[in-house]
Amino acid sequence: KPYMPLGTLRAALFYPQVARNEDAT
């Protein structure tokens, strides 16, 4: 059961690190 942190979907994808602006990737 994955953990989905409160916030943006971008933040959830990079969790637990800081989200990055890599839209193409």
PDBML (XML) file of the C-alpha atoms, coordinates in Angstrom:
<?xml version="1.0" encoding="UTF-8" ?>
<PDBx:datablock datablockName="MODEL"
   xmlns:PDBx="http://pdbml.pdb.org/schema/pdbx-v50.xsd"
   xmlns:xsi="http://www.w3.org/2001/XMLSchema-instance"
   xsi:schemaLocation="http://pdbml.pdb.org/schema/pdbx-v50.xsd pdbx-v50.xsd">
   <PDBx:atom_siteCategory>
      <PDBx:atom_site id="1">
         <PDBx:B_iso_or_equiv>0.00</PDBx:B_iso_or_equiv>
         <PDBx:Cartn_x>0.000</PDBx:Cartn_x>
         <PDBx:Cartn_y>0.000</PDBx:Cartn_y>
         <PDBx:Cartn_z>0.000</PDBx:Cartn_z>
         <PDBx:auth_asym_id>A</PDBx:auth_asym_id>
         <PDBx:auth_atom_id>CA</PDBx:auth_atom_id>
         <PDBx:auth_comp_id>LYS</PDBx:auth_comp_id>
         <PDBx:auth_seq_id>1</PDBx:auth_seq_id>
         <PDBx:group_PDB>ATOM</PDBx:group_PDB>
         <PDBx:label_alt_id xsi:nil="true" />
         <PDBx:label_asym_id>A</PDBx:label_asym_id>
         <PDBx:label_atom_id>CA</PDBx:label_atom_id>
         <PDBx:label_comp_id>LYS</PDBx:label_comp_id>
         <PDBx:label_entity_id>1</PDBx:label_entity_id>
         <PDBx:label_seq_id>1</PDBx:label_seq_id>
         <PDBx:occupancy>1.00</PDBx:occupancy>
         <PDBx:pdbx_PDB_model_num>1</PDBx:pdbx_PDB_model_num>
         <PDBx:type_symbol>C</PDBx:type_symbol>
      </PDBx:atom_site>
      <PDBx:atom_site id="2">
         <PDBx:B_iso_or_equiv>0.00</PDBx:B_iso_or_equiv>
         <PDBx:Cartn_x>2.090</PDBx:Cartn_x>
         <PDBx:Cartn_y>2.935</PDBx:Cartn_y>
         <PDBx:Cartn_z>-1.256</PDBx:Cartn_z>
         <PDBx:auth_asym_id>A</PDBx:auth_asym_id>
         <PDBx:auth_atom_id>CA</PDBx:auth_atom_id>
         <PDBx:auth_comp_id>PRO</PDBx:auth_comp_id>
         <PDBx:auth_seq_id>2</PDBx:auth_seq_id>
         <PDBx:group_PDB>ATOM</PDBx:group_PDB>
         <PDBx:label_alt_id xsi:nil="true" />
         <PDBx:label_asym_id>A</PDBx:label_asym_id>
         <PDBx:label_atom_id>CA</PDBx:label_atom_id>
         <PDBx:label_comp_id>PRO</PDBx:label_comp_id>
         <PDBx:label_entity_id>1</PDBx:label_entity_id>
         <PDBx:label_seq_id>2</PDBx:label_seq_id>
         <PDBx:occupancy>1.00</PDBx:occupancy>
         <PDBx:pdbx_PDB_model_num>1</PDBx:pdbx_PDB_model_num>
         <PDBx:type_symbol>C</PDBx:type_symbol>
      </PDBx:atom_site>
      <PDBx:atom_site id="3">
         <PDBx:B_iso_or_equiv>0.00</PDBx:B_iso_or_equiv>
         <PDBx:Cartn_x>2.292</PDBx:Cartn_x>
         <PDBx:Cartn_y>6.140</PDBx:Cartn_y>
         <PDBx:Cartn_z>0.694</PDBx:Cartn_z>
         <PDBx:auth_asym_id>A</PDBx:auth_asym_id>
         <PDBx:auth_atom_id>CA</PDBx:auth_atom_id>
         <PDBx:auth_comp_id>TYR</PDBx:auth_comp_id>
         <PDBx:auth_seq_id>3</PDBx:auth_seq_id>
         <PDBx:group_PDB>ATOM</PDBx:group_PDB>
         <PDBx:label_alt_id xsi:nil="true" />
         <PDBx:label_asym_id>A</PDBx:label_asym_id>
         <PDBx:label_atom_id>CA</PDBx:label_atom_id>
         <PDBx:label_comp_id>TYR</PDBx:label_comp_id>
         <PDBx:label_entity_id>1</PDBx:label_entity_id>
         <PDBx:label_seq_id>3</PDBx:label_seq_id>
         <PDBx:occupancy>1.00</PDBx:occupancy>
         <PDBx:pdbx_PDB_model_num>1</PDBx:pdbx_PDB_model_num>
         <PDBx:type_symbol>C</PDBx:type_symbol>
      </PDBx:atom_site>
      <PDBx:atom_site id="4">
         <PDBx:B_iso_or_equiv>0.00</PDBx:B_iso_or_equiv>
         <PDBx:Cartn_x>0.874</PDBx:Cartn_x>
         <PDBx:Cartn_y>9.165</PDBx:Cartn_y>
         <PDBx:Cartn_z>-1.107</PDBx:Cartn_z>
         <PDBx:auth_asym_id>A</PDBx:auth_asym_id>
         <PDBx:auth_atom_id>CA</PDBx:auth_atom_id>
         <PDBx:auth_comp_id>MET</PDBx:auth_comp_id>
         <PDBx:auth_seq_id>4</PDBx:auth_seq_id>
         <PDBx:group_PDB>ATOM</PDBx:group_PDB>
         <PDBx:label_alt_id xsi:nil="true" />
         <PDBx:label_asym_id>A</PDBx:label_asym_id>
         <PDBx:label_atom_id>CA</PDBx:label_atom_id>
         <PDBx:label_comp_id>MET</PDBx:label_comp_id>
         <PDBx:label_entity_id>1</PDBx:label_entity_id>
         <PDBx:label_seq_id>4</PDBx:label_seq_id>
         <PDBx:occupancy>1.00</PDBx:occupancy>
         <PDBx:pdbx_PDB_model_num>1</PDBx:pdbx_PDB_model_num>
         <PDBx:type_symbol>C</PDBx:type_symbol>
      </PDBx:atom_site>
      <PDBx:atom_site id="5">
         <PDBx:B_iso_or_equiv>0.00</PDBx:B_iso_or_equiv>
         <PDBx:Cartn_x>2.002</PDBx:Cartn_x>
         <PDBx:Cartn_y>12.356</PDBx:Cartn_y>
         <PDBx:Cartn_z>0.682</PDBx:Cartn_z>
         <PDBx:auth_asym_id>A</PDBx:auth_asym_id>
         <PDBx:auth_atom_id>CA</PDBx:auth_atom_id>
         <PDBx:auth_comp_id>PRO</PDBx:auth_comp_id>
         <PDBx:auth_seq_id>5</PDBx:auth_seq_id>
         <PDBx:group_PDB>ATOM</PDBx:group_PDB>
         <PDBx:label_alt_id xsi:nil="true" />
         <PDBx:label_asym_id>A</PDBx:label_asym_id>
         <PDBx:label_atom_id>CA</PDBx:label_atom_id>
         <PDBx:label_comp_id>PRO</PDBx:label_comp_id>
         <PDBx:label_entity_id>1</PDBx:label_entity_id>
         <PDBx:label_seq_id>5</PDBx:label_seq_id>
         <PDBx:occupancy>1.00</PDBx:occupancy>
         <PDBx:pdbx_PDB_model_num>1</PDBx:pdbx_PDB_model_num>
         <PDBx:type_symbol>C</PDBx:type_symbol>
      </PDBx:atom_site>
      <PDBx:atom_site id="6">
         <PDBx:B_iso_or_equiv>0.00</PDBx:B_iso_or_equiv>
         <PDBx:Cartn_x>-0.238</PDBx:Cartn_x>
         <PDBx:Cartn_y>15.394</PDBx:Cartn_y>
         <PDBx:Cartn_z>0.871</PDBx:Cartn_z>
         <PDBx:auth_asym_id>A</PDBx:auth_asym_id>
         <PDBx:auth_atom_id>CA</PDBx:auth_atom_id>
         <PDBx:auth_comp_id>LEU</PDBx:auth_comp_id>
         <PDBx:auth_seq_id>6</PDBx:auth_seq_id>
         <PDBx:group_PDB>ATOM</PDBx:group_PDB>
         <PDBx:label_alt_id xsi:nil="true" />
         <PDBx:label_asym_id>A</PDBx:label_asym_id>
         <PDBx:label_atom_id>CA</PDBx:label_atom_id>
         <PDBx:label_comp_id>LEU</PDBx:label_comp_id>
         <PDBx:label_entity_id>1</PDBx:label_entity_id>
         <PDBx:label_seq_id>6</PDBx:label_seq_id>
         <PDBx:occupancy>1.00</PDBx:occupancy>
         <PDBx:pdbx_PDB_model_num>1</PDBx:pdbx_PDB_model_num>
         <PDBx:type_symbol>C</PDBx:type_symbol>
      </PDBx:atom_site>
      <PDBx:atom_site id="7">
         <PDBx:B_iso_or_equiv>0.00</PDBx:B_iso_or_equiv>
         <PDBx:Cartn_x>0.608</PDBx:Cartn_x>
         <PDBx:Cartn_y>17.835</PDBx:Cartn_y>
         <PDBx:Cartn_z>-1.898</PDBx:Cartn_z>
         <PDBx:auth_asym_id>A</PDBx:auth_asym_id>
         <PDBx:auth_atom_id>CA</PDBx:auth_atom_id>
         <PDBx:auth_comp_id>GLY</PDBx:auth_comp_id>
         <PDBx:auth_seq_id>7</PDBx:auth_seq_id>
         <PDBx:group_PDB>ATOM</PDBx:group_PDB>
         <PDBx:label_alt_id xsi:nil="true" />
         <PDBx:label_asym_id>A</PDBx:label_asym_id>
         <PDBx:label_atom_id>CA</PDBx:label_atom_id>
         <PDBx:label_comp_id>GLY</PDBx:label_comp_id>
         <PDBx:label_entity_id>1</PDBx:label_entity_id>
         <PDBx:label_seq_id>7</PDBx:label_seq_id>
         <PDBx:occupancy>1.00</PDBx:occupancy>
         <PDBx:pdbx_PDB_model_num>1</PDBx:pdbx_PDB_model_num>
         <PDBx:type_symbol>C</PDBx:type_symbol>
      </PDBx:atom_site>
      <PDBx:atom_site id="8">
         <PDBx:B_iso_or_equiv>0.00</PDBx:B_iso_or_equiv>
         <PDBx:Cartn_x>1.108</PDBx:Cartn_x>
         <PDBx:Cartn_y>17.706</PDBx:Cartn_y>
         <PDBx:Cartn_z>-5.657</PDBx:Cartn_z>
         <PDBx:auth_asym_id>A</PDBx:auth_asym_id>
         <PDBx:auth_atom_id>CA</PDBx:auth_atom_id>
         <PDBx:auth_comp_id>THR</PDBx:auth_comp_id>
         <PDBx:auth_seq_id>8</PDBx:auth_seq_id>
         <PDBx:group_PDB>ATOM</PDBx:group_PDB>
         <PDBx:label_alt_id xsi:nil="true" />
         <PDBx:label_asym_id>A</PDBx:label_asym_id>
         <PDBx:label_atom_id>CA</PDBx:label_atom_id>
         <PDBx:label_comp_id>THR</PDBx:label_comp_id>
         <PDBx:label_entity_id>1</PDBx:label_entity_id>
         <PDBx:label_seq_id>8</PDBx:label_seq_id>
         <PDBx:occupancy>1.00</PDBx:occupancy>
         <PDBx:pdbx_PDB_model_num>1</PDBx:pdbx_PDB_model_num>
         <PDBx:type_symbol>C</PDBx:type_symbol>
      </PDBx:atom_site>
      <PDBx:atom_site id="9">
         <PDBx:B_iso_or_equiv>0.00</PDBx:B_iso_or_equiv>
         <PDBx:Cartn_x>1.330</PDBx:Cartn_x>
         <PDBx:Cartn_y>14.599</PDBx:Cartn_y>
         <PDBx:Cartn_z>-7.815</PDBx:Cartn_z>
         <PDBx:auth_asym_id>A</PDBx:auth_asym_id>
         <PDBx:auth_atom_id>CA</PDBx:auth_atom_id>
         <PDBx:auth_comp_id>LEU</PDBx:auth_comp_id>
         <PDBx:auth_seq_id>9</PDBx:auth_seq_id>
         <PDBx:group_PDB>ATOM</PDBx:group_PDB>
         <PDBx:label_alt_id xsi:nil="true" />
         <PDBx:label_asym_id>A</PDBx:label_asym_id>
         <PDBx:label_atom_id>CA</PDBx:label_atom_id>
         <PDBx:label_comp_id>LEU</PDBx:label_comp_id>
         <PDBx:label_entity_id>1</PDBx:label_entity_id>
         <PDBx:label_seq_id>9</PDBx:label_seq_id>
         <PDBx:occupancy>1.00</PDBx:occupancy>
         <PDBx:pdbx_PDB_model_num>1</PDBx:pdbx_PDB_model_num>
         <PDBx:type_symbol>C</PDBx:type_symbol>
      </PDBx:atom_site>
      <PDBx:atom_site id="10">
         <PDBx:B_iso_or_equiv>0.00</PDBx:B_iso_or_equiv>
         <PDBx:Cartn_x>4.848</PDBx:Cartn_x>
         <PDBx:Cartn_y>15.677</PDBx:Cartn_y>
         <PDBx:Cartn_z>-8.792</PDBx:Cartn_z>
         <PDBx:auth_asym_id>A</PDBx:auth_asym_id>
         <PDBx:auth_atom_id>CA</PDBx:auth_atom_id>
         <PDBx:auth_comp_id>ARG</PDBx:auth_comp_id>
         <PDBx:auth_seq_id>10</PDBx:auth_seq_id>
         <PDBx:group_PDB>ATOM</PDBx:group_PDB>
         <PDBx:label_alt_id xsi:nil="true" />
         <PDBx:label_asym_id>A</PDBx:label_asym_id>
         <PDBx:label_atom_id>CA</PDBx:label_atom_id>
         <PDBx:label_comp_id>ARG</PDBx:label_comp_id>
         <PDBx:label_entity_id>1</PDBx:label_entity_id>
         <PDBx:label_seq_id>10</PDBx:label_seq_id>
         <PDBx:occupancy>1.00</PDBx:occupancy>
         <PDBx:pdbx_PDB_model_num>1</PDBx:pdbx_PDB_model_num>
         <PDBx:type_symbol>C</PDBx:type_symbol>
      </PDBx:atom_site>
      <PDBx:atom_site id="11">
         <PDBx:B_iso_or_equiv>0.00</PDBx:B_iso_or_equiv>
         <PDBx:Cartn_x>5.863</PDBx:Cartn_x>
         <PDBx:Cartn_y>15.596</PDBx:Cartn_y>
         <PDBx:Cartn_z>-5.107</PDBx:Cartn_z>
         <PDBx:auth_asym_id>A</PDBx:auth_asym_id>
         <PDBx:auth_atom_id>CA</PDBx:auth_atom_id>
         <PDBx:auth_comp_id>ALA</PDBx:auth_comp_id>
         <PDBx:auth_seq_id>11</PDBx:auth_seq_id>
         <PDBx:group_PDB>ATOM</PDBx:group_PDB>
         <PDBx:label_alt_id xsi:nil="true" />
         <PDBx:label_asym_id>A</PDBx:label_asym_id>
         <PDBx:label_atom_id>CA</PDBx:label_atom_id>
         <PDBx:label_comp_id>ALA</PDBx:label_comp_id>
         <PDBx:label_entity_id>1</PDBx:label_entity_id>
         <PDBx:label_seq_id>11</PDBx:label_seq_id>
         <PDBx:occupancy>1.00</PDBx:occupancy>
         <PDBx:pdbx_PDB_model_num>1</PDBx:pdbx_PDB_model_num>
         <PDBx:type_symbol>C</PDBx:type_symbol>
      </PDBx:atom_site>
      <PDBx:atom_site id="12">
         <PDBx:B_iso_or_equiv>0.00</PDBx:B_iso_or_equiv>
         <PDBx:Cartn_x>4.301</PDBx:Cartn_x>
         <PDBx:Cartn_y>12.121</PDBx:Cartn_y>
         <PDBx:Cartn_z>-4.779</PDBx:Cartn_z>
         <PDBx:auth_asym_id>A</PDBx:auth_asym_id>
         <PDBx:auth_atom_id>CA</PDBx:auth_atom_id>
         <PDBx:auth_comp_id>ALA</PDBx:auth_comp_id>
         <PDBx:auth_seq_id>12</PDBx:auth_seq_id>
         <PDBx:group_PDB>ATOM</PDBx:group_PDB>
         <PDBx:label_alt_id xsi:nil="true" />
         <PDBx:label_asym_id>A</PDBx:label_asym_id>
         <PDBx:label_atom_id>CA</PDBx:label_atom_id>
         <PDBx:label_comp_id>ALA</PDBx:label_comp_id>
         <PDBx:label_entity_id>1</PDBx:label_entity_id>
         <PDBx:label_seq_id>12</PDBx:label_seq_id>
         <PDBx:occupancy>1.00</PDBx:occupancy>
         <PDBx:pdbx_PDB_model_num>1</PDBx:pdbx_PDB_model_num>
         <PDBx:type_symbol>C</PDBx:type_symbol>
      </PDBx:atom_site>
      <PDBx:atom_site id="13">
         <PDBx:B_iso_or_equiv>0.00</PDBx:B_iso_or_equiv>
         <PDBx:Cartn_x>6.338</PDBx:Cartn_x>
         <PDBx:Cartn_y>10.836</PDBx:Cartn_y>
         <PDBx:Cartn_z>-7.745</PDBx:Cartn_z>
         <PDBx:auth_asym_id>A</PDBx:auth_asym_id>
         <PDBx:auth_atom_id>CA</PDBx:auth_atom_id>
         <PDBx:auth_comp_id>LEU</PDBx:auth_comp_id>
         <PDBx:auth_seq_id>13</PDBx:auth_seq_id>
         <PDBx:group_PDB>ATOM</PDBx:group_PDB>
         <PDBx:label_alt_id xsi:nil="true" />
         <PDBx:label_asym_id>A</PDBx:label_asym_id>
         <PDBx:label_atom_id>CA</PDBx:label_atom_id>
         <PDBx:label_comp_id>LEU</PDBx:label_comp_id>
         <PDBx:label_entity_id>1</PDBx:label_entity_id>
         <PDBx:label_seq_id>13</PDBx:label_seq_id>
         <PDBx:occupancy>1.00</PDBx:occupancy>
         <PDBx:pdbx_PDB_model_num>1</PDBx:pdbx_PDB_model_num>
         <PDBx:type_symbol>C</PDBx:type_symbol>
      </PDBx:atom_site>
      <PDBx:atom_site id="14">
         <PDBx:B_iso_or_equiv>0.00</PDBx:B_iso_or_equiv>
         <PDBx:Cartn_x>9.652</PDBx:Cartn_x>
         <PDBx:Cartn_y>12.043</PDBx:Cartn_y>
         <PDBx:Cartn_z>-6.289</PDBx:Cartn_z>
         <PDBx:auth_asym_id>A</PDBx:auth_asym_id>
         <PDBx:auth_atom_id>CA</PDBx:auth_atom_id>
         <PDBx:auth_comp_id>PHE</PDBx:auth_comp_id>
         <PDBx:auth_seq_id>14</PDBx:auth_seq_id>
         <PDBx:group_PDB>ATOM</PDBx:group_PDB>
         <PDBx:label_alt_id xsi:nil="true" />
         <PDBx:label_asym_id>A</PDBx:label_asym_id>
         <PDBx:label_atom_id>CA</PDBx:label_atom_id>
         <PDBx:label_comp_id>PHE</PDBx:label_comp_id>
         <PDBx:label_entity_id>1</PDBx:label_entity_id>
         <PDBx:label_seq_id>14</PDBx:label_seq_id>
         <PDBx:occupancy>1.00</PDBx:occupancy>
         <PDBx:pdbx_PDB_model_num>1</PDBx:pdbx_PDB_model_num>
         <PDBx:type_symbol>C</PDBx:type_symbol>
      </PDBx:atom_site>
      <PDBx:atom_site id="15">
         <PDBx:B_iso_or_equiv>0.00</PDBx:B_iso_or_equiv>
         <PDBx:Cartn_x>8.872</PDBx:Cartn_x>
         <PDBx:Cartn_y>11.154</PDBx:Cartn_y>
         <PDBx:Cartn_z>-2.647</PDBx:Cartn_z>
         <PDBx:auth_asym_id>A</PDBx:auth_asym_id>
         <PDBx:auth_atom_id>CA</PDBx:auth_atom_id>
         <PDBx:auth_comp_id>TYR</PDBx:auth_comp_id>
         <PDBx:auth_seq_id>15</PDBx:auth_seq_id>
         <PDBx:group_PDB>ATOM</PDBx:group_PDB>
         <PDBx:label_alt_id xsi:nil="true" />
         <PDBx:label_asym_id>A</PDBx:label_asym_id>
         <PDBx:label_atom_id>CA</PDBx:label_atom_id>
         <PDBx:label_comp_id>TYR</PDBx:label_comp_id>
         <PDBx:label_entity_id>1</PDBx:label_entity_id>
         <PDBx:label_seq_id>15</PDBx:label_seq_id>
         <PDBx:occupancy>1.00</PDBx:occupancy>
         <PDBx:pdbx_PDB_model_num>1</PDBx:pdbx_PDB_model_num>
         <PDBx:type_symbol>C</PDBx:type_symbol>
      </PDBx:atom_site>
      <PDBx:atom_site id="16">
         <PDBx:B_iso_or_equiv>0.00</PDBx:B_iso_or_equiv>
         <PDBx:Cartn_x>10.839</PDBx:Cartn_x>
         <PDBx:Cartn_y>11.110</PDBx:Cartn_y>
         <PDBx:Cartn_z>-0.346</PDBx:Cartn_z>
         <PDBx:auth_asym_id>A</PDBx:auth_asym_id>
         <PDBx:auth_atom_id>CA</PDBx:auth_atom_id>
         <PDBx:auth_comp_id>PRO</PDBx:auth_comp_id>
         <PDBx:auth_seq_id>16</PDBx:auth_seq_id>
         <PDBx:group_PDB>ATOM</PDBx:group_PDB>
         <PDBx:label_alt_id xsi:nil="true" />
         <PDBx:label_asym_id>A</PDBx:label_asym_id>
         <PDBx:label_atom_id>CA</PDBx:label_atom_id>
         <PDBx:label_comp_id>PRO</PDBx:label_comp_id>
         <PDBx:label_entity_id>1</PDBx:label_entity_id>
         <PDBx:label_seq_id>16</PDBx:label_seq_id>
         <PDBx:occupancy>1.00</PDBx:occupancy>
         <PDBx:pdbx_PDB_model_num>1</PDBx:pdbx_PDB_model_num>
         <PDBx:type_symbol>C</PDBx:type_symbol>
      </PDBx:atom_site>
      <PDBx:atom_site id="17">
         <PDBx:B_iso_or_equiv>0.00</PDBx:B_iso_or_equiv>
         <PDBx:Cartn_x>13.162</PDBx:Cartn_x>
         <PDBx:Cartn_y>13.435</PDBx:Cartn_y>
         <PDBx:Cartn_z>-2.284</PDBx:Cartn_z>
         <PDBx:auth_asym_id>A</PDBx:auth_asym_id>
         <PDBx:auth_atom_id>CA</PDBx:auth_atom_id>
         <PDBx:auth_comp_id>GLN</PDBx:auth_comp_id>
         <PDBx:auth_seq_id>17</PDBx:auth_seq_id>
         <PDBx:group_PDB>ATOM</PDBx:group_PDB>
         <PDBx:label_alt_id xsi:nil="true" />
         <PDBx:label_asym_id>A</PDBx:label_asym_id>
         <PDBx:label_atom_id>CA</PDBx:label_atom_id>
         <PDBx:label_comp_id>GLN</PDBx:label_comp_id>
         <PDBx:label_entity_id>1</PDBx:label_entity_id>
         <PDBx:label_seq_id>17</PDBx:label_seq_id>
         <PDBx:occupancy>1.00</PDBx:occupancy>
         <PDBx:pdbx_PDB_model_num>1</PDBx:pdbx_PDB_model_num>
         <PDBx:type_symbol>C</PDBx:type_symbol>
      </PDBx:atom_site>
      <PDBx:atom_site id="18">
         <PDBx:B_iso_or_equiv>0.00</PDBx:B_iso_or_equiv>
         <PDBx:Cartn_x>12.423</PDBx:Cartn_x>
         <PDBx:Cartn_y>16.993</PDBx:Cartn_y>
         <PDBx:Cartn_z>-3.372</PDBx:Cartn_z>
         <PDBx:auth_asym_id>A</PDBx:auth_asym_id>
         <PDBx:auth_atom_id>CA</PDBx:auth_atom_id>
         <PDBx:auth_comp_id>VAL</PDBx:auth_comp_id>
         <PDBx:auth_seq_id>18</PDBx:auth_seq_id>
         <PDBx:group_PDB>ATOM</PDBx:group_PDB>
         <PDBx:label_alt_id xsi:nil="true" />
         <PDBx:label_asym_id>A</PDBx:label_asym_id>
         <PDBx:label_atom_id>CA</PDBx:label_atom_id>
         <PDBx:label_comp_id>VAL</PDBx:label_comp_id>
         <PDBx:label_entity_id>1</PDBx:label_entity_id>
         <PDBx:label_seq_id>18</PDBx:label_seq_id>
         <PDBx:occupancy>1.00</PDBx:occupancy>
         <PDBx:pdbx_PDB_model_num>1</PDBx:pdbx_PDB_model_num>
         <PDBx:type_symbol>C</PDBx:type_symbol>
      </PDBx:atom_site>
      <PDBx:atom_site id="19">
         <PDBx:B_iso_or_equiv>0.00</PDBx:B_iso_or_equiv>
         <PDBx:Cartn_x>10.394</PDBx:Cartn_x>
         <PDBx:Cartn_y>17.197</PDBx:Cartn_y>
         <PDBx:Cartn_z>-6.584</PDBx:Cartn_z>
         <PDBx:auth_asym_id>A</PDBx:auth_asym_id>
         <PDBx:auth_atom_id>CA</PDBx:auth_atom_id>
         <PDBx:auth_comp_id>ALA</PDBx:auth_comp_id>
         <PDBx:auth_seq_id>19</PDBx:auth_seq_id>
         <PDBx:group_PDB>ATOM</PDBx:group_PDB>
         <PDBx:label_alt_id xsi:nil="true" />
         <PDBx:label_asym_id>A</PDBx:label_asym_id>
         <PDBx:label_atom_id>CA</PDBx:label_atom_id>
         <PDBx:label_comp_id>ALA</PDBx:label_comp_id>
         <PDBx:label_entity_id>1</PDBx:label_entity_id>
         <PDBx:label_seq_id>19</PDBx:label_seq_id>
         <PDBx:occupancy>1.00</PDBx:occupancy>
         <PDBx:pdbx_PDB_model_num>1</PDBx:pdbx_PDB_model_num>
         <PDBx:type_symbol>C</PDBx:type_symbol>
      </PDBx:atom_site>
      <PDBx:atom_site id="20">
         <PDBx:B_iso_or_equiv>0.00</PDBx:B_iso_or_equiv>
         <PDBx:Cartn_x>12.239</PDBx:Cartn_x>
         <PDBx:Cartn_y>18.249</PDBx:Cartn_y>
         <PDBx:Cartn_z>-9.749</PDBx:Cartn_z>
         <PDBx:auth_asym_id>A</PDBx:auth_asym_id>
         <PDBx:auth_atom_id>CA</PDBx:auth_atom_id>
         <PDBx:auth_comp_id>ARG</PDBx:auth_comp_id>
         <PDBx:auth_seq_id>20</PDBx:auth_seq_id>
         <PDBx:group_PDB>ATOM</PDBx:group_PDB>
         <PDBx:label_alt_id xsi:nil="true" />
         <PDBx:label_asym_id>A</PDBx:label_asym_id>
         <PDBx:label_atom_id>CA</PDBx:label_atom_id>
         <PDBx:label_comp_id>ARG</PDBx:label_comp_id>
         <PDBx:label_entity_id>1</PDBx:label_entity_id>
         <PDBx:label_seq_id>20</PDBx:label_seq_id>
         <PDBx:occupancy>1.00</PDBx:occupancy>
         <PDBx:pdbx_PDB_model_num>1</PDBx:pdbx_PDB_model_num>
         <PDBx:type_symbol>C</PDBx:type_symbol>
      </PDBx:atom_site>
      <PDBx:atom_site id="21">
         <PDBx:B_iso_or_equiv>0.00</PDBx:B_iso_or_equiv>
         <PDBx:Cartn_x>11.003</PDBx:Cartn_x>
         <PDBx:Cartn_y>20.004</PDBx:Cartn_y>
         <PDBx:Cartn_z>-12.887</PDBx:Cartn_z>
         <PDBx:auth_asym_id>A</PDBx:auth_asym_id>
         <PDBx:auth_atom_id>CA</PDBx:auth_atom_id>
         <PDBx:auth_comp_id>ASN</PDBx:auth_comp_id>
         <PDBx:auth_seq_id>21</PDBx:auth_seq_id>
         <PDBx:group_PDB>ATOM</PDBx:group_PDB>
         <PDBx:label_alt_id xsi:nil="true" />
         <PDBx:label_asym_id>A</PDBx:label_asym_id>
         <PDBx:label_atom_id>CA</PDBx:label_atom_id>
         <PDBx:label_comp_id>ASN</PDBx:label_comp_id>
         <PDBx:label_entity_id>1</PDBx:label_entity_id>
         <PDBx:label_seq_id>21</PDBx:label_seq_id>
         <PDBx:occupancy>1.00</PDBx:occupancy>
         <PDBx:pdbx_PDB_model_num>1</PDBx:pdbx_PDB_model_num>
         <PDBx:type_symbol>C</PDBx:type_symbol>
      </PDBx:atom_site>
      <PDBx:atom_site id="22">
         <PDBx:B_iso_or_equiv>0.00</PDBx:B_iso_or_equiv>
         <PDBx:Cartn_x>11.648</PDBx:Cartn_x>
         <PDBx:Cartn_y>17.181</PDBx:Cartn_y>
         <PDBx:Cartn_z>-15.362</PDBx:Cartn_z>
         <PDBx:auth_asym_id>A</PDBx:auth_asym_id>
         <PDBx:auth_atom_id>CA</PDBx:auth_atom_id>
         <PDBx:auth_comp_id>GLU</PDBx:auth_comp_id>
         <PDBx:auth_seq_id>22</PDBx:auth_seq_id>
         <PDBx:group_PDB>ATOM</PDBx:group_PDB>
         <PDBx:label_alt_id xsi:nil="true" />
         <PDBx:label_asym_id>A</PDBx:label_asym_id>
         <PDBx:label_atom_id>CA</PDBx:label_atom_id>
         <PDBx:label_comp_id>GLU</PDBx:label_comp_id>
         <PDBx:label_entity_id>1</PDBx:label_entity_id>
         <PDBx:label_seq_id>22</PDBx:label_seq_id>
         <PDBx:occupancy>1.00</PDBx:occupancy>
         <PDBx:pdbx_PDB_model_num>1</PDBx:pdbx_PDB_model_num>
         <PDBx:type_symbol>C</PDBx:type_symbol>
      </PDBx:atom_site>
      <PDBx:atom_site id="23">
         <PDBx:B_iso_or_equiv>0.00</PDBx:B_iso_or_equiv>
         <PDBx:Cartn_x>8.399</PDBx:Cartn_x>
         <PDBx:Cartn_y>17.301</PDBx:Cartn_y>
         <PDBx:Cartn_z>-17.289</PDBx:Cartn_z>
         <PDBx:auth_asym_id>A</PDBx:auth_asym_id>
         <PDBx:auth_atom_id>CA</PDBx:auth_atom_id>
         <PDBx:auth_comp_id>ASP</PDBx:auth_comp_id>
         <PDBx:auth_seq_id>23</PDBx:auth_seq_id>
         <PDBx:group_PDB>ATOM</PDBx:group_PDB>
         <PDBx:label_alt_id xsi:nil="true" />
         <PDBx:label_asym_id>A</PDBx:label_asym_id>
         <PDBx:label_atom_id>CA</PDBx:label_atom_id>
         <PDBx:label_comp_id>ASP</PDBx:label_comp_id>
         <PDBx:label_entity_id>1</PDBx:label_entity_id>
         <PDBx:label_seq_id>23</PDBx:label_seq_id>
         <PDBx:occupancy>1.00</PDBx:occupancy>
         <PDBx:pdbx_PDB_model_num>1</PDBx:pdbx_PDB_model_num>
         <PDBx:type_symbol>C</PDBx:type_symbol>
      </PDBx:atom_site>
      <PDBx:atom_site id="24">
         <PDBx:B_iso_or_equiv>0.00</PDBx:B_iso_or_equiv>
         <PDBx:Cartn_x>9.718</PDBx:Cartn_x>
         <PDBx:Cartn_y>15.528</PDBx:Cartn_y>
         <PDBx:Cartn_z>-20.391</PDBx:Cartn_z>
         <PDBx:auth_asym_id>A</PDBx:auth_asym_id>
         <PDBx:auth_atom_id>CA</PDBx:auth_atom_id>
         <PDBx:auth_comp_id>ALA</PDBx:auth_comp_id>
         <PDBx:auth_seq_id>24</PDBx:auth_seq_id>
         <PDBx:group_PDB>ATOM</PDBx:group_PDB>
         <PDBx:label_alt_id xsi:nil="true" />
         <PDBx:label_asym_id>A</PDBx:label_asym_id>
         <PDBx:label_atom_id>CA</PDBx:label_atom_id>
         <PDBx:label_comp_id>ALA</PDBx:label_comp_id>
         <PDBx:label_entity_id>1</PDBx:label_entity_id>
         <PDBx:label_seq_id>24</PDBx:label_seq_id>
         <PDBx:occupancy>1.00</PDBx:occupancy>
         <PDBx:pdbx_PDB_model_num>1</PDBx:pdbx_PDB_model_num>
         <PDBx:type_symbol>C</PDBx:type_symbol>
      </PDBx:atom_site>
      <PDBx:atom_site id="25">
         <PDBx:B_iso_or_equiv>0.00</PDBx:B_iso_or_equiv>
         <PDBx:Cartn_x>11.001</PDBx:Cartn_x>
         <PDBx:Cartn_y>12.604</PDBx:Cartn_y>
         <PDBx:Cartn_z>-18.310</PDBx:Cartn_z>
         <PDBx:auth_asym_id>A</PDBx:auth_asym_id>
         <PDBx:auth_atom_id>CA</PDBx:auth_atom_id>
         <PDBx:auth_comp_id>THR</PDBx:auth_comp_id>
         <PDBx:auth_seq_id>25</PDBx:auth_seq_id>
         <PDBx:group_PDB>ATOM</PDBx:group_PDB>
         <PDBx:label_alt_id xsi:nil="true" />
         <PDBx:label_asym_id>A</PDBx:label_asym_id>
         <PDBx:label_atom_id>CA</PDBx:label_atom_id>
         <PDBx:label_comp_id>THR</PDBx:label_comp_id>
         <PDBx:label_entity_id>1</PDBx:label_entity_id>
         <PDBx:label_seq_id>25</PDBx:label_seq_id>
         <PDBx:occupancy>1.00</PDBx:occupancy>
         <PDBx:pdbx_PDB_model_num>1</PDBx:pdbx_PDB_model_num>
         <PDBx:type_symbol>C</PDBx:type_symbol>
      </PDBx:atom_site>
   </PDBx:atom_siteCategory>
</PDBx:datablock>
